[in-house]
Protein backbone atom coordinates (compact mmCIF):
# COMPACT_ATOMS: atom_id res chain seq x y z
CA MET A 1 44.24 50.86 -48.93
CA ASN A 2 45.00 53.76 -51.22
CA PHE A 3 48.32 55.59 -51.31
CA TYR A 4 49.63 58.76 -52.90
CA ILE A 5 53.41 58.76 -53.31
CA ALA A 6 54.58 62.36 -53.25
CA SER A 7 58.03 61.57 -54.76
CA CYS A 8 61.33 62.40 -53.09
CA VAL A 9 62.92 63.80 -56.25
CA PHE A 10 59.92 65.85 -57.40
CA THR A 11 59.37 67.33 -53.93
CA SER A 12 63.03 68.26 -53.51
CA LYS A 13 62.94 70.07 -56.86
CA TYR A 14 59.47 71.65 -56.55
CA PRO A 15 58.53 71.61 -52.85
CA GLU A 16 55.77 74.22 -52.86
CA LEU A 17 54.13 72.66 -55.89
CA SER A 18 54.35 69.22 -54.29
CA PHE A 19 52.77 70.49 -51.08
CA ARG A 20 49.93 72.09 -53.06
CA ILE A 21 49.26 68.72 -54.67
CA GLN A 22 49.37 67.02 -51.28
CA ASN A 23 46.89 69.55 -49.90
CA TYR A 24 44.57 68.76 -52.81
CA ILE A 25 44.84 65.03 -52.07
CA ARG A 26 44.25 65.62 -48.39
CA THR A 27 41.30 67.94 -48.91
CA ARG A 28 39.61 66.04 -51.69
CA PHE A 29 40.23 62.43 -50.65
CA GLY A 30 41.07 62.57 -46.95
CA ASP A 31 44.56 61.63 -45.84
CA GLN A 32 44.33 58.46 -43.69
CA ALA A 33 40.56 58.80 -43.43
CA GLU A 34 37.67 56.53 -44.25
CA VAL A 35 35.48 57.70 -47.10
CA ALA A 36 32.57 55.31 -47.27
CA GLY A 37 31.25 54.54 -50.70
CA ASP A 38 33.95 56.49 -52.57
CA SER A 39 35.77 54.12 -54.92
CA LYS A 40 38.60 56.63 -55.23
CA GLY A 41 38.98 56.12 -51.51
CA ALA A 42 40.92 57.77 -48.76
CA MET A 43 44.57 58.44 -49.42
CA ASN A 44 47.60 57.75 -47.29
CA ILE A 45 50.24 60.23 -48.40
CA VAL A 46 53.79 58.86 -48.23
CA ARG A 47 57.15 60.04 -49.46
CA CYS A 48 58.54 57.17 -51.50
CA CYS A 49 57.85 53.77 -53.05
CA VAL A 50 60.65 52.14 -51.01
CA GLN A 51 61.03 52.13 -47.24
CA LYS A 52 63.96 54.02 -45.69
CA TYR A 53 65.28 55.24 -49.06
CA LYS A 54 67.79 58.09 -48.61
CA ILE A 55 65.67 59.66 -45.89
CA GLN A 56 68.28 62.07 -44.54
CA GLU A 57 69.62 62.95 -47.99
CA PHE A 58 66.23 64.07 -49.29
CA GLU A 59 65.38 65.90 -46.07
CA GLU A 60 68.61 67.87 -46.48
CA ARG A 61 67.76 68.62 -50.12
CA MET A 62 64.64 70.54 -49.11
CA PRO A 63 65.39 74.23 -49.75
CA SER A 64 63.90 75.61 -46.53
CA GLU A 65 63.30 74.54 -42.96
CA ASP A 66 59.55 74.86 -43.48
CA ALA A 67 59.66 72.44 -46.44
CA ARG A 68 61.95 70.14 -44.49
CA GLU A 69 59.57 70.02 -41.55
CA LYS A 70 56.54 69.33 -43.77
CA TRP A 71 58.45 66.51 -45.44
CA ARG A 72 59.47 65.00 -42.12
CA ARG A 73 55.83 64.69 -41.10
CA LEU A 74 55.12 62.22 -43.91
CA PRO A 75 55.69 58.47 -43.51
CA ASP A 76 58.72 57.42 -45.54
CA SER A 77 56.69 54.77 -47.42
CA GLY A 78 53.79 52.36 -47.10
CA ILE A 79 53.22 48.65 -46.76
CA PHE A 80 51.73 47.79 -50.14
CA ARG A 81 49.52 44.71 -50.35
CA PRO A 82 47.50 43.03 -53.13
CA GLY A 83 44.28 44.95 -53.66
CA ASP A 84 45.82 48.31 -52.76
CA SER A 85 45.87 51.22 -55.21
CA VAL A 86 48.87 53.50 -55.57
CA TYR A 87 48.89 56.91 -57.27
CA SER A 88 51.95 58.98 -58.07
CA LEU A 89 53.44 61.51 -60.48
CA CYS A 90 56.81 59.71 -60.35
CA HIS A 91 57.28 57.14 -63.11
CA ASN A 92 60.11 55.43 -61.25
CA CYS A 93 57.83 54.91 -58.26
CA ASN A 94 55.05 53.51 -60.41
CA ASN A 95 57.38 51.14 -62.24
CA ILE A 96 58.98 49.92 -59.02
CA ILE A 97 55.59 49.30 -57.39
CA ASP A 98 54.48 47.44 -60.51
CA GLU A 99 57.39 45.03 -60.37
CA MET A 100 57.85 44.67 -56.60
CA HIS A 101 54.21 44.35 -55.57
CA PRO A 102 52.07 42.09 -57.79
CA GLY A 103 48.38 42.65 -57.20
CA VAL A 104 48.77 46.35 -56.40
CA SER A 105 47.04 48.64 -58.91
CA VAL A 106 49.19 51.54 -60.09
CA PHE A 107 47.80 54.82 -61.43
CA SER A 108 49.14 58.25 -62.25
CA LEU A 109 48.09 61.39 -60.44
CA TRP A 110 46.68 62.58 -63.77
CA GLU A 111 44.19 59.72 -63.93
CA LEU A 112 42.98 60.60 -60.45
CA ILE A 113 42.46 64.26 -61.33
CA ASP A 114 40.82 63.39 -64.64
CA ARG A 115 38.18 61.39 -62.75
CA ASP A 116 37.56 64.16 -60.22
CA ASP A 117 34.36 65.94 -61.23
CA ALA A 118 34.94 68.60 -58.58
CA PHE A 119 38.35 69.73 -59.82
CA LEU A 120 38.42 73.39 -60.86
CA PHE A 121 40.43 73.64 -64.06
CA PRO A 122 42.17 76.87 -65.08
CA ASP A 123 41.37 78.15 -68.56
CA TYR A 124 44.30 78.69 -70.96
CA HIS A 125 42.04 79.97 -73.75
CA GLY A 126 43.23 77.78 -76.61
CA GLN A 127 46.97 78.28 -76.11
CA GLU A 128 48.94 75.98 -78.39
CA VAL A 129 51.31 73.50 -76.73
CA PHE A 130 53.24 70.40 -77.63
CA VAL A 131 52.70 67.40 -75.35
CA GLN A 132 55.84 65.43 -74.54
CA ASP A 133 55.41 61.79 -73.57
CA CYS A 134 57.98 60.04 -71.38
CA TRP A 135 59.99 56.90 -72.13
CA ARG A 136 59.59 55.74 -68.53
CA SER A 137 55.80 55.58 -68.96
CA ARG A 138 55.67 54.68 -72.64
CA ASP A 139 53.52 51.62 -71.91
CA ARG A 140 50.96 53.49 -69.79
CA ALA A 141 48.27 54.35 -72.33
CA ASP A 142 45.72 55.31 -69.65
CA GLU A 143 48.10 57.88 -68.22
CA GLN A 144 48.82 59.30 -71.66
CA ALA A 145 45.09 59.58 -72.36
CA ALA A 146 44.49 61.30 -69.01
CA VAL A 147 47.23 63.84 -69.72
CA ARG A 148 45.60 64.84 -72.98
CA SER A 149 42.17 64.91 -71.38
CA LEU A 150 43.43 67.31 -68.71
CA LEU A 151 45.01 69.58 -71.33
CA GLU A 152 41.71 69.64 -73.21
CA LYS A 153 39.81 70.47 -70.02
CA MET A 154 42.18 73.43 -69.53
CA HIS A 155 41.39 74.49 -73.12
CA PHE A 156 44.83 73.98 -74.62
CA THR A 157 45.29 73.30 -78.31
CA ILE A 158 47.44 70.18 -78.43
CA ARG A 159 50.21 69.43 -80.89
CA GLU A 160 51.84 66.01 -80.93
CA THR A 161 55.54 65.21 -81.29
CA ASP A 162 56.73 62.93 -84.09
CA ALA A 163 57.37 60.02 -81.70
CA ASN A 164 54.67 59.91 -79.04
CA HIS A 165 52.81 57.45 -76.82
CA ALA A 166 54.56 54.04 -76.90
CA GLU A 167 57.04 55.26 -79.54
CA THR A 168 58.67 57.97 -77.41
CA GLU A 169 62.36 57.65 -76.57
CA PHE A 170 62.54 60.84 -74.54
CA CYS A 171 63.20 61.31 -70.85
CA GLY A 172 65.33 64.41 -70.94
CA ASN A 173 69.05 64.11 -70.35
CA SER A 174 68.43 61.44 -67.67
CA LEU A 175 68.90 58.75 -70.34
CA TYR A 176 72.41 60.06 -71.08
CA ARG A 177 73.87 59.49 -67.61
CA PRO A 178 74.01 56.49 -65.24
CA GLN A 179 70.74 55.68 -63.50
CA PRO A 180 70.40 55.23 -59.72
CA PRO A 181 71.47 51.66 -58.79
CA ARG A 182 68.12 51.12 -57.06
CA ASN A 183 66.06 51.24 -60.25
CA PRO A 184 67.53 48.31 -62.24
CA LYS A 185 67.71 46.27 -59.05
CA LEU A 186 64.05 46.77 -58.10
CA ALA A 187 62.48 47.11 -61.57
CA PRO A 188 64.65 45.11 -63.99
CA LYS A 189 61.93 44.71 -66.62
CA HIS A 190 61.78 48.46 -67.05
CA TYR A 191 65.37 49.46 -66.34
CA VAL A 192 67.44 46.50 -67.58
CA GLU A 193 65.47 44.43 -70.09
CA GLY A 194 63.71 47.45 -71.58
CA ALA A 195 66.61 49.89 -71.36
CA ALA A 196 69.07 48.72 -74.00
CA GLY A 197 71.22 51.64 -75.11
CA LYS A 198 69.91 53.88 -72.33
CA PHE A 199 71.75 55.39 -69.34
CA VAL A 200 75.10 55.50 -71.14
CA PRO A 201 77.38 58.15 -69.58
CA HIS A 202 77.75 61.42 -71.49
CA THR A 203 79.49 64.61 -70.45
CA GLU A 204 77.37 67.55 -69.36
CA ALA A 205 78.32 69.33 -72.58
CA GLU A 206 77.19 66.32 -74.63
CA GLN A 207 73.90 66.13 -72.74
CA LYS A 208 73.25 69.82 -73.40
CA ARG A 209 74.03 69.43 -77.10
CA ILE A 210 71.68 66.44 -77.44
CA MET A 211 68.87 68.29 -75.66
CA GLU A 212 69.37 71.42 -77.78
CA GLU A 213 69.18 69.34 -80.96
CA TYR A 214 66.00 67.65 -79.74
CA CYS A 215 64.30 70.85 -78.59
CA GLY A 216 65.04 72.83 -81.73
CA LYS A 217 61.89 71.47 -83.39
CA PHE A 218 59.59 73.11 -80.84
CA GLY A 219 60.50 76.69 -81.67
CA LYS A 220 58.72 79.10 -79.33
CA ILE A 221 55.71 76.85 -78.70
CA PRO A 222 55.54 75.69 -75.04
CA VAL A 223 56.10 72.00 -74.37
CA VAL A 224 54.07 70.31 -71.64
CA CYS A 225 55.51 67.21 -70.00
CA TYR A 226 54.51 65.19 -66.96
CA CYS A 227 57.90 63.96 -65.75
CA HIS A 228 60.48 65.94 -63.77
CA TYR A 229 63.33 64.35 -65.77
CA CYS A 230 61.65 65.31 -69.05
CA LEU A 231 61.28 68.87 -67.77
CA GLU A 232 64.95 69.01 -66.80
CA GLY A 233 65.93 68.01 -70.33
CA LEU A 234 63.51 70.39 -72.04
CA LEU A 235 64.80 73.34 -70.05
CA LEU A 236 68.41 72.32 -70.63
CA GLY A 237 67.68 72.21 -74.37
CA GLY A 238 66.20 75.71 -74.40
CA ALA A 239 62.55 74.74 -74.80
CA ASP A 240 59.74 76.56 -73.03
CA GLY A 241 59.06 73.50 -70.89
CA LYS A 242 56.13 73.26 -68.48
CA HIS A 243 55.27 70.48 -66.07
CA LEU A 244 51.61 69.51 -66.17
CA ALA A 245 51.39 69.94 -62.41
CA GLN A 246 52.48 73.59 -62.77
CA LEU A 247 49.54 74.22 -65.08
CA LEU A 248 47.00 72.47 -62.87
CA PHE A 249 48.09 73.85 -59.51
C-alpha cells in the first residue's frame, strides 16, 4: 500500500496549504483507490506516522472548525508493512518510519511531485532564491535533488548556502530547544546517535539572536526551505523565508 502522511505539525501551522496538498494527492493519485498499472499507486492519506499520537491536542490546534472537521475525517495513522511506500513532507515522520518499519520505502512529497508529468508548475521567471537544506534530512540526497529539480521547473535561479546537502547543520531554532520525547525514543539513530550537541535548551532571546546571525548572510534574497522548522527559524531570523509547498500550491 501507499500512504501520504499529512503531518500533524505542518497542518496545524498551515491548514489550508495542507488541505490543498491533500486535494492534489486525492485528485492525482486517488485516496484509498486502486489505480491499476500506476507504480506511483493509490494513496491512503493519514495524519501521522504514529498511531493515536496527540489526537485531541492537534485537533484543538486547528485554527477553525472547518479545518478541525477536515482533520477529523482522516485516519490518525496507517499500518505500515514491508513493501509499502510512504510519502510525507515531515522529516520527523520519514525518519521515524525509516527506523520503526524496516522494509517500508520512504519518500518525500517533493520526489512524488517531481515524477508527476501532469503537474502544472507556476513560473517565477528567473527569480533568484537561496535553497536551504535541513539537518533532519541531510542524508536524503534524492529529496535534495528533487527540491532543486522542482525549483528549476518553476524557473527559479538557485543559489546555494555555504553548508548544503549532507553538510547542513540547520533546522531553524528547533535545534536550540528540547525535542519532543517521542523522537529520540522512536528514531534513536537520527535523534540520539546523530544528534550530538543538538536540542540543547536556549532562551527565546538566544534562539532569536542565533537565527538573526545565521540569516544575515541572505540579505534581501528569498530563502526557500522544505521543512516547517526551518521556515520557523528563517522567519524568526528576519529572512524572507518561503516553504517550497507555498510556491508549488
